[in-house]
C-alpha atoms as a PDB file:
ATOM      1  CA  MET A   1      96.583 110.567  73.262  1.00  0.00           C
ATOM      2  CA  LYS A   2      96.944 113.783  72.368  1.00  0.00           C
ATOM      3  CA  THR A   3     100.626 114.572  72.061  1.00  0.00           C
ATOM      4  CA  MET A   4     102.330 118.016  72.424  1.00  0.00           C
ATOM      5  CA  THR A   5     105.633 119.274  72.191  1.00  0.00           C
ATOM      6  CA  ALA A   6     107.687 120.460  75.445  1.00  0.00           C
ATOM      7  CA  VAL A   7     107.995 124.203  73.397  1.00  0.00           C
ATOM      8  CA  GLU A   8     104.244 124.062  73.414  1.00  0.00           C
ATOM      9  CA  ALA A   9     103.342 122.421  76.724  1.00  0.00           C
ATOM     10  CA  LYS A  10     104.794 124.856  77.979  1.00  0.00           C
ATOM     11  CA  ASN A  11     103.969 127.658  75.319  1.00  0.00           C
ATOM     12  CA  ALA A  12     100.316 126.986  76.242  1.00  0.00           C
ATOM     13  CA  PHE A  13     100.686 125.952  78.998  1.00  0.00           C
ATOM     14  CA  GLY A  14      96.905 127.048  79.818  1.00  0.00           C
ATOM     15  CA  GLN A  15      95.759 124.926  76.411  1.00  0.00           C
ATOM     16  CA  PHE A  16      98.073 122.086  78.077  1.00  0.00           C
ATOM     17  CA  LEU A  17      95.413 122.129  80.957  1.00  0.00           C
ATOM     18  CA  GLU A  18      92.409 122.390  79.165  1.00  0.00           C
ATOM     19  CA  ALA A  19      93.317 119.159  76.979  1.00  0.00           C
ATOM     20  CA  ALA A  20      94.534 116.864  80.226  1.00  0.00           C
ATOM     21  CA  LEU A  21      91.044 117.537  81.246  1.00  0.00           C
ATOM     22  CA  ARG A  22      89.650 115.489  77.957  1.00  0.00           C
ATOM     23  CA  GLU A  23      92.330 113.188  77.775  1.00  0.00           C
ATOM     24  CA  PRO A  24      95.595 112.114  78.889  1.00  0.00           C
ATOM     25  CA  VAL A  25      98.103 114.435  76.918  1.00  0.00           C
ATOM     26  CA  ALA A  26     101.602 113.145  75.419  1.00  0.00           C
ATOM     27  CA  VAL A  27     104.614 115.232  76.148  1.00  0.00           C
ATOM     28  CA  THR A  28     107.272 114.717  73.542  1.00  0.00           C
ATOM     29  CA  LYS A  29     111.106 116.516  73.192  1.00  0.00           C
ATOM     30  CA  ASN A  30     113.508 115.045  70.826  1.00  0.00           C
ATOM     31  CA  ARG A  31     110.609 113.656  68.932  1.00  0.00           C
ATOM     32  CA  ARG A  32     111.272 111.050  72.377  1.00  0.00           C
ATOM     33  CA  GLU A  33     107.535 111.236  74.789  1.00  0.00           C
ATOM     34  CA  VAL A  34     109.289 111.844  77.948  1.00  0.00           C
ATOM     35  CA  ALA A  35     105.947 112.924  80.211  1.00  0.00           C
ATOM     36  CA  ALA A  36     102.102 112.589  80.573  1.00  0.00           C
ATOM     37  CA  MET A  37      99.653 115.302  82.018  1.00  0.00           C
ATOM     38  CA  PHE A  38      96.559 113.400  83.095  1.00  0.00           C
ATOM     39  CA  SER A  39      93.555 114.616  85.518  1.00  0.00           C
ATOM     40  CA  MET A  40      93.186 114.084  88.270  1.00  0.00           C
ATOM     41  CA  GLU A  41      89.949 112.415  87.584  1.00  0.00           C
ATOM     42  CA  ASP A  42      91.429 109.841  86.000  1.00  0.00           C
ATOM     43  CA  ILE A  43      93.944 109.328  87.945  1.00  0.00           C
ATOM     44  CA  ARG A  44      91.721 108.500  91.009  1.00  0.00           C
ATOM     45  CA  ALA A  45      90.167 106.043  88.443  1.00  0.00           C
ATOM     46  CA  LEU A  46      93.894 104.300  87.873  1.00  0.00           C
ATOM     47  CA  ALA A  47      94.190 104.513  91.706  1.00  0.00           C
ATOM     48  CA  ASP A  48      90.612 103.002  92.278  1.00  0.00           C
ATOM     49  CA  SER A  49      91.722  99.833  90.684  1.00  0.00           C
ATOM     50  CA  PHE A  50      95.214  99.932  90.875  1.00  0.00           C
ATOM     51  CA  LEU A  51      96.047 100.417  94.562  1.00  0.00           C
ATOM     52  CA  ALA A  52      95.904  97.750  97.022  1.00  0.00           C
ATOM     53  CA  ALA A  53      93.000  97.908  99.996  1.00  0.00           C
ATOM     54  CA  PRO A  54      96.158  98.989 102.454  1.00  0.00           C
ATOM     55  CA  LEU A  55      97.203 101.818 101.067  1.00  0.00           C
ATOM     56  CA  LYS A  56      93.679 102.976  99.913  1.00  0.00           C
ATOM     57  CA  ALA A  57      92.947 102.373 103.827  1.00  0.00           C
ATOM     58  CA  ASP A  58      95.591 104.995 104.101  1.00  0.00           C
ATOM     59  CA  ILE A  59      94.816 107.763 101.621  1.00  0.00           C
ATOM     60  CA  GLU A  60      91.252 107.592 103.472  1.00  0.00           C
ATOM     61  CA  ALA A  61      93.316 107.716 106.301  1.00  0.00           C
ATOM     62  CA  GLY A  62      95.336 111.192 105.161  1.00  0.00           C
ATOM     63  CA  LYS A  63      98.446 109.143 106.365  1.00  0.00           C
ATOM     64  CA  ILE A  64      99.691 108.673 101.855  1.00  0.00           C
ATOM     65  CA  ALA A  65      98.471 111.394  99.352  1.00  0.00           C
ATOM     66  CA  LEU A  66      97.446 109.795  96.393  1.00  0.00           C
ATOM     67  CA  LEU A  67     100.184 109.964  93.769  1.00  0.00           C
ATOM     68  CA  ASP A  68     102.412 108.532  96.538  1.00  0.00           C
ATOM     69  CA  ALA A  69     100.475 106.154  97.370  1.00  0.00           C
ATOM     70  CA  LEU A  70     100.212 105.541  93.474  1.00  0.00           C
ATOM     71  CA  MET A  71     104.290 105.328  93.475  1.00  0.00           C
ATOM     72  CA  VAL A  72     104.775 103.009  96.450  1.00  0.00           C
ATOM     73  CA  GLN A  73     102.597 100.349  94.478  1.00  0.00           C
ATOM     74  CA  VAL A  74     104.438 100.444  91.891  1.00  0.00           C
ATOM     75  CA  ASP A  75     107.685 100.023  93.040  1.00  0.00           C
ATOM     76  CA  LEU A  76     105.957  97.190  95.128  1.00  0.00           C
ATOM     77  CA  ASN A  77     105.474  95.444  92.200  1.00  0.00           C
ATOM     78  CA  ARG A  78     108.016  96.234  90.867  1.00  0.00           C
ATOM     79  CA  ARG A  79     110.035  94.368  93.678  1.00  0.00           C
ATOM     80  CA  LEU A  80     107.274  91.582  93.904  1.00  0.00           C
ATOM     81  CA  GLU A  81     107.889  91.283  90.079  1.00  0.00           C
ATOM     82  CA  ALA A  82     111.899  90.625  90.774  1.00  0.00           C
ATOM     83  CA  ALA A  83     111.243  88.457  93.367  1.00  0.00           C
ATOM     84  CA  ARG A  84     108.481  86.228  91.659  1.00  0.00           C
ATOM     85  CA  GLN A  85     111.511  85.865  89.191  1.00  0.00           C
ATOM     86  CA  GLU A  86     114.219  85.324  91.365  1.00  0.00           C
ATOM     87  CA  ILE A  87     111.982  82.555  93.007  1.00  0.00           C
ATOM     88  CA  GLY A  88     111.511  81.259  89.176  1.00  0.00           C
ATOM     89  CA  ALA A  89     115.356  81.154  89.028  1.00  0.00           C
ATOM     90  CA  GLY A  90     115.828  79.314  92.449  1.00  0.00           C
ATOM     91  CA  ASP A  91     117.354  81.768  93.372  1.00  0.00           C
ATOM     92  CA  GLY A  92     114.504  82.558  96.858  1.00  0.00           C
ATOM     93  CA  ILE A  93     114.348  81.588 100.245  1.00  0.00           C
ATOM     94  CA  VAL A  94     113.835  78.743 102.511  1.00  0.00           C
ATOM     95  CA  ALA A  95     110.738  79.893 104.293  1.00  0.00           C
ATOM     96  CA  ASP A  96     111.005  77.461 107.105  1.00  0.00           C
ATOM     97  CA  ALA A  97     110.904  77.679 110.763  1.00  0.00           C
ATOM     98  CA  THR A  98     114.950  78.765 111.246  1.00  0.00           C
ATOM     99  CA  TYR A  99     113.968  81.126 109.005  1.00  0.00           C
ATOM    100  CA  PHE A 100     111.195  82.713 110.688  1.00  0.00           C
ATOM    101  CA  ALA A 101     112.944  82.457 114.344  1.00  0.00           C
ATOM    102  CA  SER A 102     116.442  84.934 112.644  1.00  0.00           C
ATOM    103  CA  LEU A 103     113.297  87.358 111.309  1.00  0.00           C
ATOM    104  CA  ARG A 104     111.971  87.619 114.632  1.00  0.00           C
ATOM    105  CA  ASP A 105     115.375  87.669 116.851  1.00  0.00           C
ATOM    106  CA  ARG A 106     116.351  90.616 114.479  1.00  0.00           C
ATOM    107  CA  ALA A 107     113.452  92.415 115.235  1.00  0.00           C
ATOM    108  CA  LEU A 108     114.054  91.985 118.466  1.00  0.00           C
ATOM    109  CA  ARG A 109     117.351  93.238 118.716  1.00  0.00           C
ATOM    110  CA  ARG A 110     115.814  96.367 116.665  1.00  0.00           C
ATOM    111  CA  VAL A 111     112.972  96.891 120.115  1.00  0.00           C
ATOM    112  CA  PRO A 112     114.749  98.922 122.434  1.00  0.00           C
END
């Protein structure tokens, strides 16, 4: 992966874009990676292998933009991992008939 400083990327933005078309480019500031530039072709390939089917369908239907869908998937994955850790620690919710009845009641209270 190519690396450019933030100043280099700013001063030679056209070259920065051209480099990103060939390969991802990491951007550093104060010797620390702070951002990256990817081609949309790379983003589409990432989305194709990373997104859940419902998000892919929403993109196809024009309901959500590709980059927004990727961020939604990242958030979902983060929340799922946190839930798995809670369950592993014994902090999960028992999904029994009482739990589902409370969900149903809560949902019905929201319906006008």
